Amino acid sequence: MDTLALFGGTPVRSEPFSPWPFFDDRERQHLLKALESRNWGGYPFPSALAERFGRKFAKAHGANYGIPCANGSVTMEIALQAMGLKAGEEVIVPAYTFMATASCVVRTNGVPVFVDVEPRNYCMDPAAVEAAITPDTRAIIPVHLGSSIADMDRILDIAKKHGLVVIEDCAHAHGGQWRGMGVGSMGDFGSFSLQSSKLMTSGEGGVLTVRDDVMHQKCKSIINCGRKEPGYDGFDEQLFGANYRMSELQVSVALAQTERLEEVTARRATMHEYFKQTLHAQVPGLRVLETDPRVTRLHCYQTVMQYDAAAFAGVHRDRFLEALAAEGVRFSGDFYEPLYRIDIFNARSEQWPMLRKRYGEGILGHSELCCPVTEKAAWHEAVWMHYPYISGSKQDVEDVVTAIKKVQDHAAELLK
């Protein structure tokens, strides 16, 4: 291993890591039942299978209600509609996340207000949240990012103090717990994605967890095109909904994934800790983000690390990742970038006029905003390792660390 694979040497790893998605006979059997039922769509809503899945998912997270939806992105739109967000009202979101966390606000005629994240875990900074509250603020959307959980103690205290709704973005966090409470159960709503890269997947799909019974009924109505049917007709107004239903075939797969959630969550947490210990023992300058002691069950969607270029001969993170990929280990650096800088988050005031008051004309915030912790993480510091790397054997983890160490040992060559 004297020569980096980037320069013609032999890669540390040539065998593939654990395949994803994982499935076994549980998915086969649930799918076969749905197939033979000939009821493949999501209507009538909710079906007995959808109700069963919703209850099982909610119980796994300590939530009162769980509702399957078309995808994780729309779960947050549904929650904002159900809570009665009015045009021009503000919702506080972290700048370091996927665009859906903020686009859901725009698409419900609200105004996203971006705040920075904490350097210790890249989750929403509660101090920044409190500083961003105005008379127009109605809600907060904390994101449980990577393998971290946002500081729900402080965020819930702030929300209670100011009378704000909390929608937990749990797209990364299936199975996670904070002080024994499941993610998605602490706020008013919890949004989960079942997209193909997530810890639980049905290819596409999502789940909305809800605390309050009336909100639960309203969400079901919105998901089912605004219909009010037995079980979700116990409120006065007529809501404006759409078809946000999840198909029976997707529900079948998601049900099987829920049945093994506790088992695979525990296994990933064990391997995450083994990776962390092995990495820190051998590689100075690449540190796994700390786990808050209030996290009582680690979910491990991405193991996120902080890269110190000084420990790698001054090599920029992206050049390090290029060399690591050649060794057969593909991590990400710009997994997320500041939402106010990315091209696909191009909400314009001529299309969404409620943005004008805060952001003026043109594209939302693309020039004026600055969240320094987010920008440092996105462009210089953060390194993201997806969970398939810790879903296999200890040898897999050891190969990953060996590859990182090899690149570090030859880092000066990357400057030439």
Protein backbone atom coordinates (compact mmCIF):
# COMPACT_ATOMS: atom_id res chain seq x y z
CA MET A 1 0.00 0.00 0.00
CA ASP A 2 2.90 2.33 -0.74
CA THR A 3 1.09 4.14 -3.55
CA LEU A 4 -2.30 5.80 -3.44
CA ALA A 5 -4.85 4.19 -5.75
CA LEU A 6 -5.46 7.66 -7.16
CA PHE A 7 -1.94 7.48 -8.59
CA GLY A 8 -2.07 3.86 -9.78
CA GLY A 9 -1.67 1.89 -6.57
CA THR A 10 -3.85 -1.01 -5.41
CA PRO A 11 -7.08 0.08 -3.70
CA VAL A 12 -7.59 -0.94 -0.10
CA ARG A 13 -11.07 -2.19 -0.91
CA SER A 14 -12.32 -3.68 -4.17
CA GLU A 15 -15.23 -5.73 -2.80
CA PRO A 16 -18.64 -4.02 -2.45
CA PHE A 17 -19.94 -3.14 0.99
CA SER A 18 -23.34 -4.23 2.35
CA PRO A 19 -26.08 -4.06 -0.30
CA TRP A 20 -29.05 -1.78 0.22
CA PRO A 21 -31.96 -2.02 0.51
CA PHE A 22 -31.93 -5.12 2.66
CA PHE A 23 -34.93 -7.43 2.53
CA ASP A 24 -35.92 -10.95 3.49
CA ASP A 25 -38.98 -13.18 3.43
CA ARG A 26 -41.01 -10.67 5.44
CA GLU A 27 -41.13 -8.23 2.53
CA ARG A 28 -41.91 -11.08 0.12
CA GLN A 29 -44.84 -12.31 2.18
CA HIS A 30 -46.37 -8.88 2.81
CA LEU A 31 -46.00 -7.97 -0.85
CA LEU A 32 -47.54 -11.22 -2.01
CA LYS A 33 -50.58 -10.66 0.21
CA ALA A 34 -51.04 -7.16 -1.15
CA LEU A 35 -50.55 -8.39 -4.71
CA GLU A 36 -53.14 -11.12 -4.33
CA SER A 37 -55.60 -8.73 -2.69
CA ARG A 38 -55.71 -6.73 -5.96
CA ASN A 39 -56.04 -3.60 -3.82
CA TRP A 40 -52.75 -2.00 -4.82
CA GLY A 41 -53.55 1.69 -4.49
CA GLY A 42 -54.13 3.81 -1.41
CA TYR A 43 -57.89 4.22 -1.75
CA PRO A 44 -60.19 3.68 0.12
CA PHE A 45 -58.13 5.51 2.74
CA PRO A 46 -56.92 4.34 5.08
CA SER A 47 -56.99 0.65 4.32
CA ALA A 48 -56.76 -1.94 7.10
CA LEU A 49 -53.13 -2.51 6.14
CA ALA A 50 -52.32 1.20 6.21
CA GLU A 51 -53.96 1.52 9.63
CA ARG A 52 -51.97 -1.46 10.89
CA PHE A 53 -48.72 -0.03 9.62
CA GLY A 54 -49.50 3.42 11.04
CA ARG A 55 -50.21 2.01 14.49
CA LYS A 56 -47.10 -0.17 14.46
CA PHE A 57 -44.85 2.67 13.31
CA ALA A 58 -46.31 5.07 15.89
CA LYS A 59 -45.83 2.53 18.69
CA ALA A 60 -42.20 1.99 17.67
CA HIS A 61 -41.60 5.71 18.16
CA GLY A 62 -43.83 6.32 21.17
CA ALA A 63 -46.14 8.54 19.12
CA ASN A 64 -49.92 8.77 19.45
CA TYR A 65 -50.73 8.43 15.74
CA GLY A 66 -48.89 7.43 12.56
CA ILE A 67 -50.22 8.04 9.05
CA PRO A 68 -48.62 6.72 5.85
CA CYS A 69 -48.19 9.35 3.13
CA ALA A 70 -46.94 9.64 -0.44
CA ASN A 71 -43.46 10.77 0.64
CA GLY A 72 -41.57 12.44 3.44
CA SER A 73 -41.55 15.89 1.85
CA VAL A 74 -45.33 16.21 1.77
CA THR A 75 -45.70 15.10 5.38
CA MET A 76 -44.39 18.50 6.46
CA GLU A 77 -46.68 20.33 4.04
CA ILE A 78 -49.63 18.38 5.45
CA ALA A 79 -48.64 19.27 9.01
CA LEU A 80 -48.36 22.97 8.15
CA GLN A 81 -51.76 22.88 6.45
CA ALA A 82 -53.36 21.05 9.37
CA MET A 83 -52.00 23.53 11.92
CA GLY A 84 -53.49 26.38 9.86
CA LEU A 85 -50.38 28.22 8.65
CA LYS A 86 -51.46 31.45 6.98
CA ALA A 87 -49.85 33.16 4.01
CA GLY A 88 -46.81 35.18 5.07
CA GLU A 89 -46.37 33.54 8.46
CA GLU A 90 -42.87 32.40 9.33
CA VAL A 91 -41.41 28.99 10.09
CA ILE A 92 -37.88 28.65 11.48
CA VAL A 93 -35.72 26.00 9.79
CA PRO A 94 -32.01 25.09 9.89
CA ALA A 95 -29.89 26.16 6.93
CA TYR A 96 -28.07 22.80 6.89
CA THR A 97 -30.59 20.22 5.69
CA PHE A 98 -32.36 18.90 2.61
CA MET A 99 -34.46 21.41 0.69
CA ALA A 100 -37.79 19.79 1.69
CA THR A 101 -37.42 21.18 5.23
CA ALA A 102 -37.79 24.68 3.83
CA SER A 103 -39.65 24.12 0.54
CA CYS A 104 -42.62 22.73 2.49
CA VAL A 105 -42.96 26.19 4.06
CA VAL A 106 -42.87 27.97 0.71
CA ARG A 107 -45.38 25.55 -0.80
CA THR A 108 -47.85 26.27 1.99
CA ASN A 109 -47.49 30.05 1.46
CA GLY A 110 -45.27 30.52 4.49
CA VAL A 111 -41.87 32.14 4.82
CA PRO A 112 -38.87 30.00 5.85
CA VAL A 113 -36.46 31.70 8.23
CA PHE A 114 -33.00 30.13 8.15
CA VAL A 115 -30.91 29.71 11.29
CA ASP A 116 -27.46 28.28 11.82
CA VAL A 117 -26.58 24.94 13.37
CA GLU A 118 -24.46 23.93 16.35
CA PRO A 119 -20.86 22.96 15.49
CA ARG A 120 -20.99 20.02 17.93
CA ASN A 121 -23.66 18.10 15.98
CA TYR A 122 -24.80 20.24 12.99
CA CYS A 123 -28.35 20.36 14.32
CA MET A 124 -30.42 23.53 14.70
CA ASP A 125 -28.91 25.98 17.21
CA PRO A 126 -31.59 26.75 19.84
CA ALA A 127 -30.04 30.15 20.63
CA ALA A 128 -30.32 31.09 16.95
CA VAL A 129 -33.93 29.91 16.95
CA GLU A 130 -34.91 32.17 19.83
CA ALA A 131 -33.12 35.13 18.25
CA ALA A 132 -35.04 34.60 14.99
CA ILE A 133 -38.55 34.71 16.48
CA THR A 134 -40.77 37.57 15.33
CA PRO A 135 -44.49 38.34 15.75
CA ASP A 136 -45.02 36.42 12.49
CA THR A 137 -43.39 33.18 13.68
CA ARG A 138 -45.76 30.20 13.90
CA ALA A 139 -43.61 27.07 13.90
CA ILE A 140 -40.16 25.52 14.24
CA ILE A 141 -38.88 22.57 12.19
CA PRO A 142 -35.85 21.02 13.92
CA VAL A 143 -33.97 18.40 11.89
CA HIS A 144 -32.44 15.29 13.46
CA LEU A 145 -29.39 15.21 11.23
CA GLY A 146 -27.16 12.26 10.37
CA SER A 147 -26.78 10.36 13.64
CA SER A 148 -27.68 13.33 15.83
CA ILE A 149 -30.89 14.54 17.46
CA ALA A 150 -31.61 18.25 17.81
CA ASP A 151 -31.70 19.68 21.36
CA MET A 152 -35.38 18.96 21.89
CA ASP A 153 -35.31 20.08 25.53
CA ARG A 154 -34.44 23.65 24.60
CA ILE A 155 -36.44 23.73 21.38
CA LEU A 156 -39.62 22.56 23.12
CA ASP A 157 -39.08 25.08 25.91
CA ILE A 158 -38.71 27.87 23.36
CA ALA A 159 -41.81 26.70 21.50
CA LYS A 160 -43.86 26.59 24.69
CA LYS A 161 -42.67 30.04 25.75
CA HIS A 162 -43.68 31.60 22.41
CA GLY A 163 -46.70 29.44 21.57
CA LEU A 164 -45.14 27.81 18.51
CA VAL A 165 -45.85 24.50 16.78
CA VAL A 166 -42.94 22.02 16.51
CA ILE A 167 -42.63 19.72 13.49
CA GLU A 168 -39.73 17.28 13.90
CA ASP A 169 -37.98 16.44 10.63
CA CYS A 170 -37.05 12.81 11.28
CA ALA A 171 -36.14 11.84 7.71
CA HIS A 172 -32.77 10.51 8.97
CA ALA A 173 -33.83 9.31 12.37
CA HIS A 174 -36.08 6.21 12.30
CA GLY A 175 -35.75 4.42 15.63
CA GLY A 176 -33.87 7.21 17.42
CA GLN A 177 -34.69 8.16 21.01
CA TRP A 178 -34.06 11.27 23.12
CA ARG A 179 -34.22 10.65 26.89
CA GLY A 180 -36.25 7.52 26.18
CA MET A 181 -38.72 9.33 23.92
CA GLY A 182 -38.92 8.40 20.26
CA VAL A 183 -38.17 11.00 17.65
CA GLY A 184 -41.42 12.24 16.14
CA SER A 185 -43.23 11.91 19.47
CA MET A 186 -41.95 15.02 21.23
CA GLY A 187 -43.20 17.76 18.92
CA ASP A 188 -46.71 18.31 17.61
CA PHE A 189 -45.83 16.41 14.43
CA GLY A 190 -43.03 14.16 13.18
CA SER A 191 -42.05 13.79 9.53
CA PHE A 192 -40.41 10.56 8.32
CA SER A 193 -39.18 9.67 4.84
CA LEU A 194 -39.26 6.18 3.37
CA GLN A 195 -37.29 7.16 0.26
CA SER A 196 -34.80 4.60 -1.02
CA SER A 197 -31.74 5.87 0.86
CA LYS A 198 -33.42 6.02 4.27
CA LEU A 199 -33.02 3.73 7.28
CA MET A 200 -36.48 2.34 6.55
CA THR A 201 -37.56 2.34 2.93
CA SER A 202 -40.38 1.31 0.67
CA GLY A 203 -38.71 2.92 -2.33
CA GLU A 204 -40.77 6.06 -1.87
CA GLY A 205 -43.25 7.02 0.82
CA GLY A 206 -43.41 8.71 4.19
CA VAL A 207 -45.03 8.66 7.60
CA LEU A 208 -46.50 11.56 9.58
CA THR A 209 -46.69 11.12 13.35
CA VAL A 210 -49.19 13.31 15.19
CA ARG A 211 -49.79 14.06 18.85
CA ASP A 212 -53.30 15.57 18.88
CA ASP A 213 -56.43 13.67 17.81
CA VAL A 214 -58.05 16.56 15.91
CA MET A 215 -54.79 17.28 14.06
CA HIS A 216 -54.60 13.56 13.28
CA GLN A 217 -58.07 13.69 11.72
CA LYS A 218 -57.26 16.83 9.76
CA CYS A 219 -54.08 15.29 8.38
CA LYS A 220 -56.00 12.22 7.21
CA SER A 221 -58.53 14.45 5.48
CA ILE A 222 -55.82 16.46 3.71
CA ILE A 223 -54.07 13.25 2.59
CA ASN A 224 -57.33 11.93 1.14
CA CYS A 225 -58.15 14.90 -1.13
CA GLY A 226 -59.96 16.79 1.65
CA ARG A 227 -62.57 14.10 2.20
CA LYS A 228 -64.16 13.79 5.64
CA GLU A 229 -64.97 10.15 6.32
CA PRO A 230 -65.77 8.10 9.43
CA GLY A 231 -62.78 8.25 11.77
CA TYR A 232 -61.61 11.64 10.52
CA ASP A 233 -64.70 13.83 10.34
CA GLY A 234 -64.68 15.20 13.88
CA PHE A 235 -63.88 18.80 13.01
CA ASP A 236 -65.93 21.62 11.51
CA GLU A 237 -64.12 23.10 8.53
CA GLN A 238 -63.68 21.68 5.05
CA LEU A 239 -59.97 21.37 4.27
CA PHE A 240 -58.29 21.74 0.89
CA GLY A 241 -56.39 18.51 0.34
CA ALA A 242 -54.84 16.42 -2.41
CA ASN A 243 -53.96 12.80 -3.13
CA TYR A 244 -51.08 12.21 -0.74
CA ARG A 245 -51.91 8.55 -0.18
CA MET A 246 -49.34 5.76 -0.07
CA SER A 247 -49.93 2.61 -2.11
CA GLU A 248 -50.61 -0.78 -0.56
CA LEU A 249 -47.47 -2.19 -2.19
CA GLN A 250 -45.34 0.46 -0.49
CA VAL A 251 -47.14 -0.02 2.82
CA SER A 252 -46.42 -3.77 2.62
CA VAL A 253 -42.69 -3.20 2.32
CA ALA A 254 -42.71 -0.52 5.02
CA LEU A 255 -44.52 -2.84 7.40
CA ALA A 256 -41.81 -5.46 7.05
CA GLN A 257 -39.15 -2.79 7.56
CA THR A 258 -40.87 -1.70 10.78
CA GLU A 259 -40.82 -5.27 12.08
CA ARG A 260 -37.02 -5.35 12.06
CA LEU A 261 -36.41 -1.70 13.03
CA GLU A 262 -35.32 -2.32 16.62
CA GLU A 263 -32.94 -5.10 15.63
CA VAL A 264 -31.14 -3.23 12.86
CA THR A 265 -31.03 0.02 14.86
CA ALA A 266 -29.17 -1.73 17.68
CA ARG A 267 -26.76 -3.37 15.25
CA ARG A 268 -25.92 -0.09 13.52
CA ALA A 269 -25.35 1.67 16.84
CA THR A 270 -22.86 -1.04 17.87
CA MET A 271 -20.97 -0.76 14.58
CA HIS A 272 -21.06 3.05 14.71
CA GLU A 273 -19.32 2.93 18.08
CA TYR A 274 -16.77 0.41 16.79
CA PHE A 275 -16.01 2.63 13.81
CA LYS A 276 -15.68 5.68 16.06
CA GLN A 277 -13.26 3.97 18.43
CA THR A 278 -11.20 2.47 15.61
CA LEU A 279 -11.03 5.72 13.69
CA HIS A 280 -10.10 7.88 16.66
CA ALA A 281 -7.38 5.43 17.71
CA GLN A 282 -5.69 5.49 14.30
CA VAL A 283 -6.52 8.73 12.52
CA PRO A 284 -6.02 12.10 14.19
CA GLY A 285 -7.85 14.94 12.52
CA LEU A 286 -11.03 13.13 11.47
CA ARG A 287 -13.47 13.13 14.39
CA VAL A 288 -16.95 11.64 14.58
CA LEU A 289 -19.45 14.21 15.83
CA GLU A 290 -20.21 13.84 19.50
CA THR A 291 -23.33 12.00 20.62
CA ASP A 292 -25.40 14.07 23.03
CA PRO A 293 -25.70 12.13 26.32
CA ARG A 294 -29.47 12.66 26.17
CA VAL A 295 -29.64 10.44 23.06
CA THR A 296 -30.74 7.10 24.51
CA ARG A 297 -31.00 5.22 21.21
CA LEU A 298 -28.73 6.05 18.30
CA HIS A 299 -30.25 5.68 14.82
CA CYS A 300 -27.13 6.13 12.61
CA TYR A 301 -28.36 7.27 9.19
CA GLN A 302 -25.04 8.90 8.38
CA THR A 303 -21.94 8.91 10.52
CA VAL A 304 -20.88 12.53 10.22
CA MET A 305 -17.27 13.55 10.88
CA GLN A 306 -15.33 16.79 11.11
CA TYR A 307 -12.22 17.01 8.94
CA ASP A 308 -9.16 18.96 10.05
CA ALA A 309 -7.06 19.75 6.99
CA ALA A 310 -4.01 20.45 9.16
CA ALA A 311 -3.86 16.75 10.08
CA PHE A 312 -3.81 15.89 6.37
CA ALA A 313 -0.90 18.09 5.26
CA GLY A 314 -3.27 20.96 4.50
CA VAL A 315 -5.16 18.99 1.83
CA HIS A 316 -8.68 20.28 1.25
CA ARG A 317 -11.45 17.95 2.32
CA ASP A 318 -12.68 17.41 -1.25
CA ARG A 319 -9.24 16.30 -2.44
CA PHE A 320 -9.04 13.90 0.51
CA LEU A 321 -12.44 12.44 -0.47
CA GLU A 322 -11.30 12.03 -4.07
CA ALA A 323 -8.29 9.99 -2.94
CA LEU A 324 -10.43 7.98 -0.51
CA ALA A 325 -12.93 7.10 -3.24
CA ALA A 326 -10.08 5.68 -5.33
CA GLU A 327 -9.33 3.37 -2.40
CA GLY A 328 -12.87 1.96 -2.67
CA VAL A 329 -14.50 4.03 0.10
CA ARG A 330 -16.92 6.70 -1.10
CA PHE A 331 -17.86 9.33 1.43
CA SER A 332 -19.55 12.67 0.79
CA GLY A 333 -18.49 16.18 1.70
CA ASP A 334 -21.13 18.44 0.23
CA PHE A 335 -23.95 16.02 1.14
CA TYR A 336 -25.80 19.17 2.12
CA GLU A 337 -25.00 22.78 1.29
CA PRO A 338 -26.58 25.95 2.72
CA LEU A 339 -30.17 25.96 1.49
CA TYR A 340 -29.94 29.64 0.64
CA ARG A 341 -27.08 28.87 -1.78
CA ILE A 342 -28.24 25.80 -3.73
CA ASP A 343 -29.59 26.14 -7.26
CA ILE A 344 -32.61 23.87 -6.81
CA PHE A 345 -33.94 25.97 -3.94
CA ASN A 346 -34.89 28.78 -6.28
CA ALA A 347 -38.17 30.05 -4.84
CA ARG A 348 -38.89 33.40 -6.51
CA SER A 349 -40.93 36.26 -5.19
CA GLU A 350 -42.93 36.60 -8.43
CA GLN A 351 -44.22 33.06 -7.86
CA TRP A 352 -44.40 33.16 -4.05
CA PRO A 353 -45.19 36.81 -3.22
CA MET A 354 -45.28 36.23 0.53
CA LEU A 355 -41.45 36.01 0.37
CA ARG A 356 -41.08 39.67 -0.64
CA LYS A 357 -41.50 41.16 2.82
CA ARG A 358 -38.48 39.33 4.22
CA TYR A 359 -36.38 38.58 1.15
CA GLY A 360 -37.26 41.24 -1.43
CA GLU A 361 -37.38 40.59 -5.16
CA GLY A 362 -35.82 37.67 -7.00
CA ILE A 363 -34.59 34.37 -5.59
CA LEU A 364 -34.95 33.73 -1.87
CA GLY A 365 -31.86 34.73 0.05
CA HIS A 366 -29.22 33.70 -2.49
CA SER A 367 -26.90 36.62 -1.80
CA GLU A 368 -27.53 38.18 1.60
CA LEU A 369 -27.77 35.27 4.03
CA CYS A 370 -24.80 33.78 5.88
CA CYS A 371 -24.79 30.97 8.44
CA PRO A 372 -21.06 30.49 9.18
CA VAL A 373 -21.22 27.08 10.90
CA THR A 374 -23.32 25.72 8.04
CA GLU A 375 -20.99 27.11 5.40
CA LYS A 376 -17.87 25.76 7.10
CA ALA A 377 -19.47 22.31 7.41
CA ALA A 378 -20.74 22.24 3.84
CA TRP A 379 -17.62 23.38 2.04
CA HIS A 380 -14.68 22.54 4.28
CA GLU A 381 -15.32 20.37 7.31
CA ALA A 382 -18.13 17.81 7.19
CA VAL A 383 -17.53 14.24 5.99
CA TRP A 384 -20.57 11.96 5.63
CA MET A 385 -20.42 8.15 5.75
CA HIS A 386 -23.63 6.40 4.74
CA TYR A 387 -24.91 3.58 6.95
CA PRO A 388 -24.23 0.63 4.59
CA TYR A 389 -20.59 1.01 5.66
CA ILE A 390 -21.58 0.05 9.22
CA SER A 391 -24.26 -2.47 8.25
CA GLY A 392 -21.89 -5.35 7.58
CA SER A 393 -18.89 -6.82 9.40
CA LYS A 394 -16.14 -5.43 11.60
CA GLN A 395 -13.78 -6.17 8.72
CA ASP A 396 -15.75 -3.70 6.61
CA VAL A 397 -15.23 -1.02 9.26
CA GLU A 398 -11.54 -1.88 9.57
CA ASP A 399 -11.10 -1.59 5.79
CA VAL A 400 -12.69 1.85 5.87
CA VAL A 401 -10.31 3.05 8.57
CA THR A 402 -7.33 1.47 6.79
CA ALA A 403 -8.24 3.40 3.64
CA ILE A 404 -8.55 6.67 5.56
CA LYS A 405 -5.22 6.07 7.29
CA LYS A 406 -3.54 5.28 3.96
CA VAL A 407 -4.73 8.56 2.47
CA GLN A 408 -3.57 10.44 5.57
CA ASP A 409 -0.12 8.83 5.44
CA HIS A 410 0.26 9.95 1.81
CA ALA A 411 -1.60 13.24 2.12
CA ALA A 412 1.38 15.41 1.14
CA GLU A 413 1.42 13.71 -2.26
CA LEU A 414 -2.06 15.10 -2.94
CA LEU A 415 -0.63 18.63 -2.92
CA LYS A 416 1.70 18.00 -5.86
